[in-house]
């Protein structure tokens, strides 16, 4: 049974206080003489999901760090909910890295509640807020389990719950399912699609998996090899459809996937 996610006011009112729209205009970034990103233009409306795909080393993860205010671009401008200040961008973004980074000495519920503890909430109050969501996330009964006792998919759910419960209007997801086997990855994609239908957020998803991007996102931006440039933008054929198997085998979806792969090949030349 797919988990149901709490209504927004059960998690936090943070995204009601400010929207989650993103704007990137002429964004470039360099590490010394190495240019990683070149003149990226991207607009994301609040509540929409955008995927970033491209070859390894093209600057996808760097772009997430720039959006979240963890770095400043070498050129161009980035704004989140109308603010270009790095601290304010960071305050509006929740970043989920490739690895789940769960603390092995914490229980699942304490890992999930960590974002609330970092905001100054007392431990019992943070646990209560997280506990209310565990059943909805398909984690009921595992509140006291340590990360080593959880499957890979369950660890990712805890990590995503930790990201979501922070109440930020923008989620920056960096290859969240890359470490999972193919079957678990497909299950997690379907689970995340349900989560985003139930509790919409503005999301920027980095992935190497074109099929994953097209299934989960409203739009997919294809980046070239370094320095990363957007060489194509594609609309999803069936946005976050409930039946993943039916969605990814639909002729329109297959055609969009082939178009994305073609853009990737051309951008890698």
Protein backbone atom coordinates (compact mmCIF):
# COMPACT_ATOMS: atom_id res chain seq x y z
CA UNK A 1 0.00 0.00 0.00
CA UNK A 2 1.40 3.42 -0.94
CA UNK A 3 2.01 5.79 1.97
CA UNK A 4 -0.04 8.94 2.27
CA UNK A 5 1.83 12.07 3.29
CA UNK A 6 0.61 14.62 5.75
CA UNK A 7 -1.06 17.80 4.67
CA UNK A 8 1.39 20.69 4.44
CA UNK A 9 0.35 22.28 7.75
CA UNK A 10 1.18 19.03 9.54
CA UNK A 11 4.82 19.38 8.54
CA UNK A 12 5.53 23.10 8.58
CA UNK A 13 4.10 26.39 7.44
CA UNK A 14 7.46 27.50 6.06
CA UNK A 15 6.55 27.17 2.41
CA UNK A 16 3.31 29.06 3.00
CA UNK A 17 5.40 32.01 4.17
CA UNK A 18 7.38 32.12 0.91
CA UNK A 19 6.93 30.52 -2.48
CA UNK A 20 9.27 28.00 -4.02
CA UNK A 21 9.85 29.51 -7.44
CA UNK A 22 13.42 29.33 -8.81
CA UNK A 23 15.16 31.54 -11.33
CA UNK A 24 18.61 30.97 -12.84
CA UNK A 25 19.82 33.51 -15.37
CA UNK A 26 23.14 33.22 -17.15
CA UNK A 27 24.59 31.09 -14.34
CA UNK A 28 28.20 30.04 -14.81
CA UNK A 29 30.66 28.47 -12.41
CA UNK A 30 34.36 27.75 -12.43
CA UNK A 31 36.82 25.99 -10.17
CA UNK A 32 39.92 28.02 -10.90
CA UNK A 33 40.48 27.67 -14.64
CA UNK A 34 38.09 24.72 -14.93
CA UNK A 35 34.70 25.90 -16.19
CA UNK A 36 31.98 23.52 -14.94
CA UNK A 37 28.79 25.40 -15.91
CA UNK A 38 28.23 27.89 -18.70
CA UNK A 39 25.29 30.31 -18.99
CA UNK A 40 22.51 28.22 -17.47
CA UNK A 41 19.01 29.71 -17.80
CA UNK A 42 16.24 27.92 -15.95
CA UNK A 43 12.87 29.02 -14.55
CA UNK A 44 10.88 26.75 -12.22
CA UNK A 45 7.43 27.70 -10.99
CA UNK A 46 6.43 26.94 -7.40
CA UNK A 47 5.23 23.37 -6.97
CA UNK A 48 6.81 22.08 -10.18
CA UNK A 49 9.40 19.32 -10.54
CA UNK A 50 12.37 19.74 -12.87
CA UNK A 51 14.93 17.06 -13.65
CA UNK A 52 18.56 17.61 -14.60
CA UNK A 53 20.23 14.87 -16.66
CA UNK A 54 23.62 14.88 -18.30
CA UNK A 55 26.93 13.04 -18.51
CA UNK A 56 29.13 12.63 -15.45
CA UNK A 57 31.12 15.74 -14.61
CA UNK A 58 28.80 18.16 -16.40
CA UNK A 59 28.05 20.17 -13.25
CA UNK A 60 24.62 18.81 -12.21
CA UNK A 61 25.51 18.45 -8.53
CA UNK A 62 27.33 21.79 -8.57
CA UNK A 63 24.16 23.39 -9.90
CA UNK A 64 22.18 22.00 -6.95
CA UNK A 65 24.76 23.39 -4.53
CA UNK A 66 24.49 26.80 -6.20
CA UNK A 67 20.71 26.78 -5.98
CA UNK A 68 20.86 25.87 -2.29
CA UNK A 69 23.32 28.65 -1.48
CA UNK A 70 26.12 26.24 -0.58
CA UNK A 71 28.22 27.95 -3.25
CA UNK A 72 27.97 31.23 -5.12
CA UNK A 73 28.05 31.24 -8.93
CA UNK A 74 31.03 32.72 -10.71
CA UNK A 75 28.63 34.55 -12.99
CA UNK A 76 24.92 35.14 -13.46
CA UNK A 77 22.14 35.30 -10.88
CA UNK A 78 20.12 32.76 -8.88
CA UNK A 79 17.01 33.51 -6.86
CA UNK A 80 14.80 31.30 -4.71
CA UNK A 81 11.39 32.74 -3.83
CA UNK A 82 12.63 36.12 -5.01
CA UNK A 83 15.82 36.17 -2.91
CA UNK A 84 19.32 35.94 -4.36
CA UNK A 85 21.09 36.02 -0.97
CA UNK A 86 22.94 32.73 -0.34
CA UNK A 87 21.77 32.43 3.28
CA UNK A 88 18.17 33.00 2.32
CA UNK A 89 18.43 30.50 -0.54
CA UNK A 90 19.77 27.95 1.93
CA UNK A 91 16.92 28.72 4.35
CA UNK A 92 14.39 27.94 1.60
CA UNK A 93 16.02 24.75 0.28
CA UNK A 94 16.31 21.23 1.70
CA UNK A 95 19.22 19.32 0.17
CA UNK A 96 19.23 15.52 -0.07
CA UNK A 97 22.64 14.17 -1.19
CA UNK A 98 23.31 10.95 -3.07
CA UNK A 99 23.98 8.92 0.09
CA UNK A 100 21.35 8.77 2.82
CA UNK A 101 23.91 9.87 5.48
CA UNK A 102 21.80 8.47 8.31
CA UNK A 103 23.58 8.58 11.66
CA UNK A 104 24.23 4.92 12.58
CA UNK A 105 23.91 5.55 16.33
CA UNK A 106 20.48 7.23 15.94
CA UNK A 107 17.18 5.40 15.60
CA UNK A 108 15.15 5.86 12.42
CA UNK A 109 12.83 8.34 14.11
CA UNK A 110 15.71 10.39 15.50
CA UNK A 111 17.34 10.48 12.08
CA UNK A 112 14.07 11.64 10.53
CA UNK A 113 13.60 14.29 13.22
CA UNK A 114 17.14 15.64 12.88
CA UNK A 115 16.10 18.61 10.71
CA UNK A 116 13.63 19.71 13.39
CA UNK A 117 16.24 19.31 16.13
CA UNK A 118 18.59 21.50 14.08
CA UNK A 119 15.84 24.14 14.02
CA UNK A 120 15.81 24.16 17.81
CA UNK A 121 12.87 21.86 18.52
CA UNK A 122 13.11 19.70 21.64
CA UNK A 123 13.76 15.99 21.12
CA UNK A 124 10.36 14.69 22.23
CA UNK A 125 8.47 17.30 20.18
CA UNK A 126 10.60 16.48 17.13
CA UNK A 127 10.00 12.77 17.61
CA UNK A 128 6.26 13.34 17.90
CA UNK A 129 6.22 15.34 14.65
CA UNK A 130 8.18 12.62 12.85
CA UNK A 131 6.20 9.75 14.39
CA UNK A 132 2.97 11.13 12.97
CA UNK A 133 4.40 10.66 9.48
CA UNK A 134 6.08 7.26 9.80
CA UNK A 135 2.93 5.27 8.98
CA UNK A 136 2.21 7.48 5.99
CA UNK A 137 5.73 6.87 4.70
CA UNK A 138 5.41 3.10 5.00
CA UNK A 139 7.77 3.06 8.00
CA UNK A 140 5.32 2.22 10.78
CA UNK A 141 6.84 -0.15 13.33
CA UNK A 142 10.43 0.78 12.47
CA UNK A 143 10.68 3.95 14.52
CA UNK A 144 13.27 2.53 16.93
CA UNK A 145 15.28 0.60 14.34
CA UNK A 146 18.87 1.61 13.64
CA UNK A 147 19.88 2.30 10.01
CA UNK A 148 21.78 -1.01 9.81
CA UNK A 149 18.49 -2.82 10.47
CA UNK A 150 16.69 -1.14 7.55
CA UNK A 151 16.62 -2.08 3.87
CA UNK A 152 18.08 0.32 1.31
CA UNK A 153 14.64 1.51 0.27
CA UNK A 154 13.58 2.13 3.88
CA UNK A 155 16.77 4.08 4.55
CA UNK A 156 15.97 6.29 1.56
CA UNK A 157 12.45 6.86 2.88
CA UNK A 158 13.86 7.96 6.23
CA UNK A 159 16.29 10.28 4.43
CA UNK A 160 13.49 11.74 2.33
CA UNK A 161 11.28 12.18 5.40
CA UNK A 162 14.16 14.03 7.07
CA UNK A 163 14.37 16.28 4.00
CA UNK A 164 10.62 16.84 3.76
CA UNK A 165 9.95 17.43 7.44
CA UNK A 166 12.28 20.43 7.44
CA UNK A 167 9.36 22.31 5.84
CA UNK A 168 11.43 23.99 3.13
CA UNK A 169 9.54 24.98 -0.05
CA UNK A 170 12.31 23.70 -2.36
CA UNK A 171 13.72 20.16 -2.39
CA UNK A 172 17.09 19.59 -4.07
CA UNK A 173 17.51 15.85 -4.65
CA UNK A 174 20.92 14.63 -5.86
CA UNK A 175 20.65 11.10 -7.30
CA UNK A 176 18.50 9.96 -4.35
CA UNK A 177 18.08 6.39 -5.63
CA UNK A 178 21.44 5.81 -7.34
CA UNK A 179 22.65 3.27 -4.77
CA UNK A 180 19.56 1.05 -4.99
CA UNK A 181 19.06 -2.10 -7.05
CA UNK A 182 16.83 -1.84 -10.12
CA UNK A 183 13.70 -3.32 -8.51
CA UNK A 184 13.95 -1.21 -5.34
CA UNK A 185 14.74 1.86 -7.42
CA UNK A 186 11.57 1.42 -9.48
CA UNK A 187 9.54 0.96 -6.29
CA UNK A 188 11.05 4.11 -4.79
CA UNK A 189 10.33 6.09 -7.95
CA UNK A 190 6.67 5.11 -7.74
CA UNK A 191 6.65 5.92 -4.01
CA UNK A 192 8.19 9.36 -4.57
CA UNK A 193 5.70 10.06 -7.37
CA UNK A 194 2.91 9.40 -4.87
CA UNK A 195 4.62 11.64 -2.29
CA UNK A 196 4.86 14.54 -4.73
CA UNK A 197 1.25 14.17 -5.85
CA UNK A 198 0.09 14.24 -2.24
CA UNK A 199 2.36 16.98 -0.92
CA UNK A 200 3.58 19.10 -3.87
CA UNK A 201 6.91 20.89 -3.54
CA UNK A 202 9.22 22.66 -5.90
CA UNK A 203 11.82 20.01 -6.72
CA UNK A 204 15.07 19.95 -8.64
CA UNK A 205 16.09 16.34 -9.22
CA UNK A 206 19.55 15.36 -10.45
CA UNK A 207 19.75 11.90 -12.01
CA UNK A 208 21.64 9.93 -14.63
CA UNK A 209 18.48 7.94 -15.34
CA UNK A 210 16.49 9.53 -18.17
CA UNK A 211 13.50 7.27 -17.53
CA UNK A 212 13.47 8.26 -13.86
CA UNK A 213 13.59 11.95 -14.75
CA UNK A 214 10.77 11.72 -17.27
CA UNK A 215 8.61 9.68 -14.90
CA UNK A 216 9.03 11.93 -11.85
CA UNK A 217 9.35 15.39 -13.38
CA UNK A 218 7.21 17.95 -15.18
CA UNK A 219 10.18 19.04 -17.29
CA UNK A 220 13.63 17.62 -17.93
CA UNK A 221 16.65 19.78 -18.76
CA UNK A 222 19.40 17.93 -20.64
CA UNK A 223 22.93 19.21 -19.99
CA UNK A 224 25.92 18.90 -22.27
CA UNK A 225 29.31 17.59 -21.24
CA UNK A 226 31.52 20.02 -19.30
CA UNK A 227 31.10 22.92 -19.30
CA UNK A 228 27.46 22.09 -18.69
CA UNK A 229 24.95 23.92 -20.88
CA UNK A 230 21.26 23.18 -21.30
CA UNK A 231 20.98 21.66 -24.77
CA UNK A 232 17.32 20.55 -24.59
CA UNK A 233 14.22 20.84 -22.39
CA UNK A 234 11.55 18.17 -22.60
CA UNK A 235 8.07 17.97 -21.12
CA UNK A 236 7.01 14.79 -19.35
CA UNK A 237 4.70 12.51 -21.32
CA UNK A 238 2.67 11.36 -18.28
CA UNK A 239 3.52 13.42 -15.23
CA UNK A 240 3.91 11.26 -12.10
CA UNK A 241 1.38 8.68 -13.27
CA UNK A 242 0.16 6.27 -10.58
CA UNK A 243 1.02 3.15 -12.59
CA UNK A 244 4.74 3.37 -13.33
CA UNK A 245 4.88 0.29 -15.57
CA UNK A 246 2.07 1.62 -17.74
CA UNK A 247 3.64 5.09 -17.84
CA UNK A 248 7.14 4.05 -18.93
CA UNK A 249 5.85 1.75 -21.68
CA UNK A 250 3.42 4.28 -23.13
CA UNK A 251 4.45 5.18 -26.73
CA UNK A 252 4.55 8.91 -25.91
CA UNK A 253 6.85 8.22 -22.95
CA UNK A 254 9.11 5.99 -25.05
CA UNK A 255 9.33 8.72 -27.70
CA UNK A 256 10.25 11.34 -25.06
CA UNK A 257 12.91 9.01 -23.64
CA UNK A 258 14.43 8.50 -27.09
CA UNK A 259 14.45 12.27 -27.67
CA UNK A 260 16.21 12.82 -24.33
CA UNK A 261 18.80 10.13 -25.09
CA UNK A 262 19.40 11.69 -28.50
CA UNK A 263 19.96 15.10 -26.87
CA UNK A 264 22.36 13.49 -24.38
CA UNK A 265 24.39 11.88 -27.15
CA UNK A 266 24.57 15.10 -29.12
CA UNK A 267 25.46 17.13 -26.02
CA UNK A 268 28.28 14.75 -25.15
CA UNK A 269 30.08 15.29 -28.46
